[in-house]
Amino acid sequence: MLKVVSNSSPIIHLNKIGYMNLLETLYKKVYITDWVFDECTSDSQQIE
């Protein structure tokens, strides 16, 4: 299986346009660091 690592930008922007499911559809599992998780889930980003 292909391992995918992401920074916060694609996650934040895909969420803003309503395409968060695209990552799961393409890759099934995406690995992120704790720092990326914190940035994506901060109050200013509001990812659900």
C-alpha atoms as a PDB file:
ATOM      1  CA  MET A   1       0.000   0.000   0.000  1.00  0.00           C
ATOM      2  CA  LEU A   2       1.185   3.516  -0.821  1.00  0.00           C
ATOM      3  CA  LYS A   3       2.026   5.605   2.244  1.00  0.00           C
ATOM      4  CA  VAL A   4       1.065   9.262   1.984  1.00  0.00           C
ATOM      5  CA  VAL A   5       2.278  12.046   4.248  1.00  0.00           C
ATOM      6  CA  SER A   6       0.641  15.460   4.114  1.00  0.00           C
ATOM      7  CA  ASN A   7       1.270  18.915   5.425  1.00  0.00           C
ATOM      8  CA  SER A   8      -1.598  21.097   6.568  1.00  0.00           C
ATOM      9  CA  SER A   9      -2.226  23.115   3.381  1.00  0.00           C
ATOM     10  CA  PRO A  10      -3.963  20.445   1.263  1.00  0.00           C
ATOM     11  CA  ILE A  11      -6.048  19.321   4.220  1.00  0.00           C
ATOM     12  CA  ILE A  12      -7.166  22.841   5.105  1.00  0.00           C
ATOM     13  CA  HIS A  13      -7.941  23.847   1.517  1.00  0.00           C
ATOM     14  CA  LEU A  14      -9.740  20.616   0.586  1.00  0.00           C
ATOM     15  CA  ASN A  15     -11.881  21.064   3.690  1.00  0.00           C
ATOM     16  CA  LYS A  16     -12.730  24.659   2.741  1.00  0.00           C
ATOM     17  CA  ILE A  17     -14.062  23.568  -0.677  1.00  0.00           C
ATOM     18  CA  GLY A  18     -15.865  20.497   0.673  1.00  0.00           C
ATOM     19  CA  TYR A  19     -13.542  17.829  -0.743  1.00  0.00           C
ATOM     20  CA  MET A  20     -11.990  16.341   2.410  1.00  0.00           C
ATOM     21  CA  ASN A  21     -13.199  12.894   1.340  1.00  0.00           C
ATOM     22  CA  LEU A  22     -10.946  13.094  -1.731  1.00  0.00           C
ATOM     23  CA  LEU A  23      -7.878  12.165   0.337  1.00  0.00           C
ATOM     24  CA  GLU A  24      -9.564   9.036   1.699  1.00  0.00           C
ATOM     25  CA  THR A  25     -10.890   8.112  -1.741  1.00  0.00           C
ATOM     26  CA  LEU A  26      -7.456   8.380  -3.324  1.00  0.00           C
ATOM     27  CA  TYR A  27      -5.206   7.091  -0.547  1.00  0.00           C
ATOM     28  CA  LYS A  28      -7.326   5.373   2.165  1.00  0.00           C
ATOM     29  CA  LYS A  29      -4.837   6.501   4.844  1.00  0.00           C
ATOM     30  CA  VAL A  30      -2.906   9.768   5.115  1.00  0.00           C
ATOM     31  CA  TYR A  31      -0.233  10.254   7.761  1.00  0.00           C
ATOM     32  CA  ILE A  32       0.261  13.632   9.419  1.00  0.00           C
ATOM     33  CA  THR A  33       2.446  14.885  12.218  1.00  0.00           C
ATOM     34  CA  ASP A  34       1.110  16.125  15.541  1.00  0.00           C
ATOM     35  CA  TRP A  35       2.000  19.658  14.444  1.00  0.00           C
ATOM     36  CA  VAL A  36      -0.118  19.323  11.276  1.00  0.00           C
ATOM     37  CA  PHE A  37      -3.019  17.906  13.299  1.00  0.00           C
ATOM     38  CA  ASP A  38      -2.815  20.823  15.740  1.00  0.00           C
ATOM     39  CA  GLU A  39      -2.765  23.364  12.909  1.00  0.00           C
ATOM     40  CA  CYS A  40      -5.690  21.722  11.096  1.00  0.00           C
ATOM     41  CA  THR A  41      -7.843  21.499  14.188  1.00  0.00           C
ATOM     42  CA  SER A  42      -7.132  24.964  15.577  1.00  0.00           C
ATOM     43  CA  ASP A  43     -10.108  27.249  16.128  1.00  0.00           C
ATOM     44  CA  SER A  44      -9.165  29.339  13.084  1.00  0.00           C
ATOM     45  CA  GLN A  45      -9.384  26.339  10.707  1.00  0.00           C
ATOM     46  CA  GLN A  46     -12.404  24.502  12.179  1.00  0.00           C
ATOM     47  CA  ILE A  47     -11.990  21.197  10.296  1.00  0.00           C
ATOM     48  CA  GLU A  48     -14.727  18.720  11.115  1.00  0.00           C
END
